[in-house]
Structures are given as C-alpha cells and as structure tokens.
C-alpha cells in the first residue's frame, strides 16, 4: 500500500492535523496523505490524513525506511498552484527532511531486504525437510 501526497490551502478551518491534533486554520498550507483503496473497507475507500505542512515531515520521520516519502516537490499534487513563498517553504522542508532521512536509512533498506530473502530461503528449506521426514514416517 502506497501513499499519495497533495498540498493545498485549507478550504475551511475544520480539518485536524493528524500529528498535533490541532485544527488547521482556514487558508493555511496543509499536506494531505491518502492511502489507496483498502479491501477491508470494501475496496472503494482509503484513508485521508491532513497535516500542517511542517508536521507532515515530522510524521514521515517516524516511518519505516521502505515507506513512500516526499522526496521532491514533483511528488506533491497541487504544488504548482501554490504561492511562490509557500513553494520555497516546502522546498526548504523537503531538503531538510531528505538529509535526515538519508542519515536514518542509509544502507538499511538493502540489509532488510537481504535478511528477508535469507529467511524465506531458510523457511522453504525447513518446509521441504519437514515434508520429506513426514513422508518417510508414513511409509514405515
């Protein structure tokens, strides 16, 4: 399941920031994170979370190294429709976040995937040996 991110100005002051639980003021900059359709909910709906634009990056810091993150402004839908000062503020947050993310996750993604592969190989070997021993027992 991947996320899609968009950026916009809050049309009302009723949305709550998922990170700090405070209301996002009307016409202030916010980032929206949407998950794809979830089969558990019937496959039609996903989950939508709104964040103050700085808190979106704080929330991503807590994520796994394999999570989809905002690594460039091109990932954000609606970025081109923003005012220039807001574009610059988001670009600044992205570069600051990218440096921290690189420190956190450098080399970890490959290590995790190789561990999973070795675990899978071991488990399939164990399964084969278990089924062979069960066949031997049933023949005798």
Protein backbone atom coordinates (compact mmCIF):
# COMPACT_ATOMS: atom_id res chain seq x y z
CA UNK A 1 0.00 0.00 0.00
CA UNK A 2 1.48 3.32 -1.04
CA UNK A 3 0.58 6.86 -0.19
CA UNK A 4 -0.19 9.77 -2.46
CA UNK A 5 0.57 13.25 -1.22
CA UNK A 6 -1.03 16.55 -2.15
CA UNK A 7 -0.62 20.11 -0.95
CA UNK A 8 -3.29 22.81 -0.78
CA UNK A 9 -4.71 25.64 1.24
CA UNK A 10 -7.30 24.55 3.80
CA UNK A 11 -10.75 25.49 2.46
CA UNK A 12 -12.27 25.54 5.96
CA UNK A 13 -10.89 25.55 9.47
CA UNK A 14 -12.44 22.20 10.42
CA UNK A 15 -9.68 19.72 9.48
CA UNK A 16 -7.49 18.42 12.26
CA UNK A 17 -3.75 17.83 11.94
CA UNK A 18 -3.04 14.13 12.33
CA UNK A 19 0.28 14.84 14.05
CA UNK A 20 -0.54 17.53 16.63
CA UNK A 21 -4.35 17.12 16.80
CA UNK A 22 -4.90 20.89 16.45
CA UNK A 23 -7.21 22.41 13.88
CA UNK A 24 -5.67 23.58 10.61
CA UNK A 25 -6.73 27.22 10.12
CA UNK A 26 -8.61 28.25 7.04
CA UNK A 27 -6.41 29.26 4.08
CA UNK A 28 -3.26 27.90 5.75
CA UNK A 29 -0.96 25.49 3.96
CA UNK A 30 -1.60 21.78 4.53
CA UNK A 31 -0.35 18.48 3.19
CA UNK A 32 -2.77 15.63 2.63
CA UNK A 33 -1.73 11.97 2.71
CA UNK A 34 -4.09 9.46 1.11
CA UNK A 35 -3.80 5.71 1.10
CA UNK A 36 -5.08 3.64 -1.77
CA UNK A 37 -8.28 1.61 -1.63
CA UNK A 38 -8.37 -0.75 1.33
CA UNK A 39 -10.00 -4.13 0.75
CA UNK A 40 -11.18 -4.31 4.36
CA UNK A 41 -13.39 -1.27 3.74
CA UNK A 42 -14.91 -2.68 0.59
CA UNK A 43 -12.12 -1.65 -1.77
CA UNK A 44 -13.60 1.77 -2.57
CA UNK A 45 -12.35 3.99 0.21
CA UNK A 46 -8.93 4.85 1.51
CA UNK A 47 -7.73 6.84 4.49
CA UNK A 48 -7.12 10.57 4.22
CA UNK A 49 -4.95 12.40 6.76
CA UNK A 50 -4.29 16.14 6.84
CA UNK A 51 -1.18 17.73 8.33
CA UNK A 52 0.22 21.19 8.92
CA UNK A 53 2.88 21.27 6.23
CA UNK A 54 5.77 21.06 8.75
CA UNK A 55 4.11 18.26 10.72
CA UNK A 56 3.81 16.07 7.61
CA UNK A 57 7.60 15.76 7.57
CA UNK A 58 7.69 15.06 11.33
CA UNK A 59 5.20 12.24 10.77
CA UNK A 60 7.28 10.78 7.93
CA UNK A 61 10.38 10.73 10.17
CA UNK A 62 8.66 8.11 12.29
CA UNK A 63 8.05 5.87 9.27
CA UNK A 64 9.97 2.86 8.05
CA UNK A 65 12.81 3.17 5.61
CA UNK A 66 10.70 1.42 2.97
CA UNK A 67 7.79 3.91 3.27
CA UNK A 68 6.94 6.27 0.45
CA UNK A 69 8.10 9.76 1.37
CA UNK A 70 8.06 13.24 -0.11
CA UNK A 71 11.50 13.36 -1.67
CA UNK A 72 10.85 16.11 -4.21
CA UNK A 73 8.18 18.71 -4.97
CA UNK A 74 7.10 16.73 -8.04
CA UNK A 75 5.55 14.09 -5.77
CA UNK A 76 3.15 16.65 -4.29
CA UNK A 77 -0.06 17.11 -6.29
CA UNK A 78 -1.10 20.75 -6.43
CA UNK A 79 2.41 22.10 -5.83
CA UNK A 80 2.37 24.28 -8.95
CA UNK A 81 -0.78 26.09 -7.79
CA UNK A 82 0.87 27.48 -4.64
CA UNK A 83 2.23 30.94 -4.00
CA UNK A 84 5.98 31.31 -4.52
CA UNK A 85 6.72 31.88 -0.81
CA UNK A 86 4.90 28.66 0.06
CA UNK A 87 6.74 26.75 -2.67
CA UNK A 88 10.03 27.94 -1.22
CA UNK A 89 8.98 26.96 2.32
CA UNK A 90 8.07 23.43 1.20
CA UNK A 91 11.29 23.03 -0.80
CA UNK A 92 13.24 24.04 2.30
CA UNK A 93 11.40 21.44 4.42
CA UNK A 94 11.97 18.76 1.78
CA UNK A 95 15.74 19.32 1.68
CA UNK A 96 15.95 19.39 5.49
CA UNK A 97 13.91 16.19 5.71
CA UNK A 98 15.87 14.45 2.94
CA UNK A 99 19.16 14.96 4.79
CA UNK A 100 17.73 13.47 7.99
CA UNK A 101 16.11 10.61 6.09
CA UNK A 102 19.39 9.72 4.35
CA UNK A 103 21.17 9.55 7.71
CA UNK A 104 18.44 7.35 9.16
CA UNK A 105 18.02 4.96 6.27
CA UNK A 106 21.40 4.78 4.54
CA UNK A 107 22.16 1.10 3.99
CA UNK A 108 19.17 -0.16 5.97
CA UNK A 109 16.86 -0.86 3.04
CA UNK A 110 19.26 -3.31 1.42
CA UNK A 111 20.02 -5.02 4.72
CA UNK A 112 16.35 -5.56 5.50
CA UNK A 113 15.55 -6.98 2.08
CA UNK A 114 18.52 -9.38 2.14
CA UNK A 115 17.54 -10.60 5.61
CA UNK A 116 14.01 -11.27 4.41
CA UNK A 117 15.31 -13.21 1.42
CA UNK A 118 17.54 -15.38 3.59
CA UNK A 119 14.66 -16.02 5.99
CA UNK A 120 12.47 -17.07 3.11
CA UNK A 121 15.12 -19.45 1.82
CA UNK A 122 15.58 -20.99 5.24
CA UNK A 123 11.89 -21.39 5.81
CA UNK A 124 11.38 -23.11 2.45
CA UNK A 125 14.30 -25.48 3.18
CA UNK A 126 12.80 -26.28 6.55
CA UNK A 127 9.44 -26.92 4.96
CA UNK A 128 10.93 -29.33 2.42
CA UNK A 129 12.86 -31.26 5.05
CA UNK A 130 9.77 -31.44 7.23
CA UNK A 131 7.63 -32.85 4.42
CA UNK A 132 10.33 -35.39 3.49
CA UNK A 133 10.55 -36.64 7.07
CA UNK A 134 6.77 -36.92 7.25
CA UNK A 135 6.73 -38.98 4.03
CA UNK A 136 9.35 -41.33 5.45
CA UNK A 137 7.33 -41.82 8.60
CA UNK A 138 4.15 -42.56 6.67
CA UNK A 139 5.90 -45.23 4.52
CA UNK A 140 7.09 -47.21 7.52
